[in-house]
């Protein structure tokens, strides 16, 4: 299991995500005050491609790492590989 720690630049208290189980597409919800975030991470390769719901802004977009605002309703993200597609849903309550 892994987790994500967000350390605010202004020196505020760090924010921790709950740990995620081992999965090729890992999701972490960071309860950042004012704008909860979702961190999606995976082992990037030439054969992998992440799909996000239409209209979802990517605040960070790097190979193997995408950060988006936490959706107000449940949204599904997918990671397509050469042999299998993995799905993760986040958002809502």
Protein backbone atom coordinates (compact mmCIF):
# COMPACT_ATOMS: atom_id res chain seq x y z
CA UNK A 1 0.00 0.00 0.00
CA UNK A 2 1.09 3.53 -0.68
CA UNK A 3 -0.22 7.00 0.13
CA UNK A 4 0.32 10.60 -0.97
CA UNK A 5 1.45 13.50 1.22
CA UNK A 6 0.76 17.10 0.19
CA UNK A 7 2.94 19.73 1.86
CA UNK A 8 1.61 23.26 1.31
CA UNK A 9 4.20 25.76 0.06
CA UNK A 10 3.19 28.26 2.76
CA UNK A 11 4.28 25.94 5.54
CA UNK A 12 0.81 24.77 6.54
CA UNK A 13 0.06 21.35 7.96
CA UNK A 14 0.67 18.42 5.58
CA UNK A 15 -2.39 16.67 4.16
CA UNK A 16 -2.39 12.86 3.87
CA UNK A 17 -4.41 10.64 1.57
CA UNK A 18 -5.75 7.30 2.68
CA UNK A 19 -3.54 4.45 1.52
CA UNK A 20 -4.41 2.76 -1.76
CA UNK A 21 -4.23 -0.95 -2.39
CA UNK A 22 -1.86 -2.26 -5.01
CA UNK A 23 -3.48 -1.67 -8.37
CA UNK A 24 -1.94 -0.69 -11.71
CA UNK A 25 -4.02 2.53 -11.57
CA UNK A 26 -3.81 4.00 -8.10
CA UNK A 27 -6.02 6.83 -6.88
CA UNK A 28 -5.54 9.04 -3.86
CA UNK A 29 -7.96 11.65 -2.54
CA UNK A 30 -6.21 14.58 -0.88
CA UNK A 31 -8.57 16.63 1.30
CA UNK A 32 -6.80 19.92 0.53
CA UNK A 33 -8.78 22.78 2.13
CA UNK A 34 -10.64 24.78 -0.52
CA UNK A 35 -9.98 22.33 -3.35
CA UNK A 36 -9.92 18.58 -2.67
CA UNK A 37 -7.68 16.83 -5.20
CA UNK A 38 -7.43 13.40 -6.76
CA UNK A 39 -4.00 12.03 -7.58
CA UNK A 40 -3.84 9.25 -10.18
CA UNK A 41 -0.60 7.34 -10.54
CA UNK A 42 0.58 4.37 -12.57
CA UNK A 43 3.75 2.91 -14.01
CA UNK A 44 4.04 4.84 -17.27
CA UNK A 45 5.02 3.07 -20.48
CA UNK A 46 4.68 3.62 -24.21
CA UNK A 47 1.75 1.20 -24.19
CA UNK A 48 -0.28 2.80 -21.38
CA UNK A 49 -2.81 5.59 -21.79
CA UNK A 50 -4.89 7.32 -19.11
CA UNK A 51 -8.42 8.53 -19.94
CA UNK A 52 -10.22 11.07 -17.78
CA UNK A 53 -13.89 12.14 -17.98
CA UNK A 54 -14.60 14.85 -20.58
CA UNK A 55 -14.02 18.36 -19.30
CA UNK A 56 -11.82 17.27 -16.39
CA UNK A 57 -8.95 19.74 -15.99
CA UNK A 58 -5.52 18.17 -15.46
CA UNK A 59 -3.75 20.34 -12.90
CA UNK A 60 -0.63 18.17 -13.24
CA UNK A 61 -0.10 15.97 -16.28
CA UNK A 62 3.12 13.95 -16.38
CA UNK A 63 3.91 10.41 -17.44
CA UNK A 64 2.57 8.22 -14.65
CA UNK A 65 1.05 11.11 -12.67
CA UNK A 66 -2.11 13.18 -13.11
CA UNK A 67 -3.71 15.49 -10.54
CA UNK A 68 -7.31 16.65 -11.00
CA UNK A 69 -9.88 18.42 -8.80
CA UNK A 70 -12.03 15.94 -6.87
CA UNK A 71 -15.27 15.52 -8.84
CA UNK A 72 -18.51 16.47 -7.10
CA UNK A 73 -20.12 13.25 -8.39
CA UNK A 74 -18.62 9.83 -8.95
CA UNK A 75 -16.42 9.79 -12.07
CA UNK A 76 -14.53 6.91 -13.65
CA UNK A 77 -10.93 7.07 -14.86
CA UNK A 78 -9.33 4.36 -16.97
CA UNK A 79 -5.83 3.17 -17.75
CA UNK A 80 -5.52 1.22 -20.98
CA UNK A 81 -2.58 -1.13 -21.40
CA UNK A 82 -1.71 -3.58 -24.13
CA UNK A 83 -3.70 -6.45 -22.65
CA UNK A 84 -6.09 -4.98 -20.10
CA UNK A 85 -7.90 -1.79 -19.07
CA UNK A 86 -8.13 -0.80 -15.42
CA UNK A 87 -10.92 1.39 -14.04
CA UNK A 88 -11.10 3.47 -10.88
CA UNK A 89 -14.03 5.60 -9.71
CA UNK A 90 -13.68 8.57 -7.36
CA UNK A 91 -15.72 11.56 -6.28
CA UNK A 92 -19.03 12.24 -4.67
CA UNK A 93 -19.46 11.62 -0.98
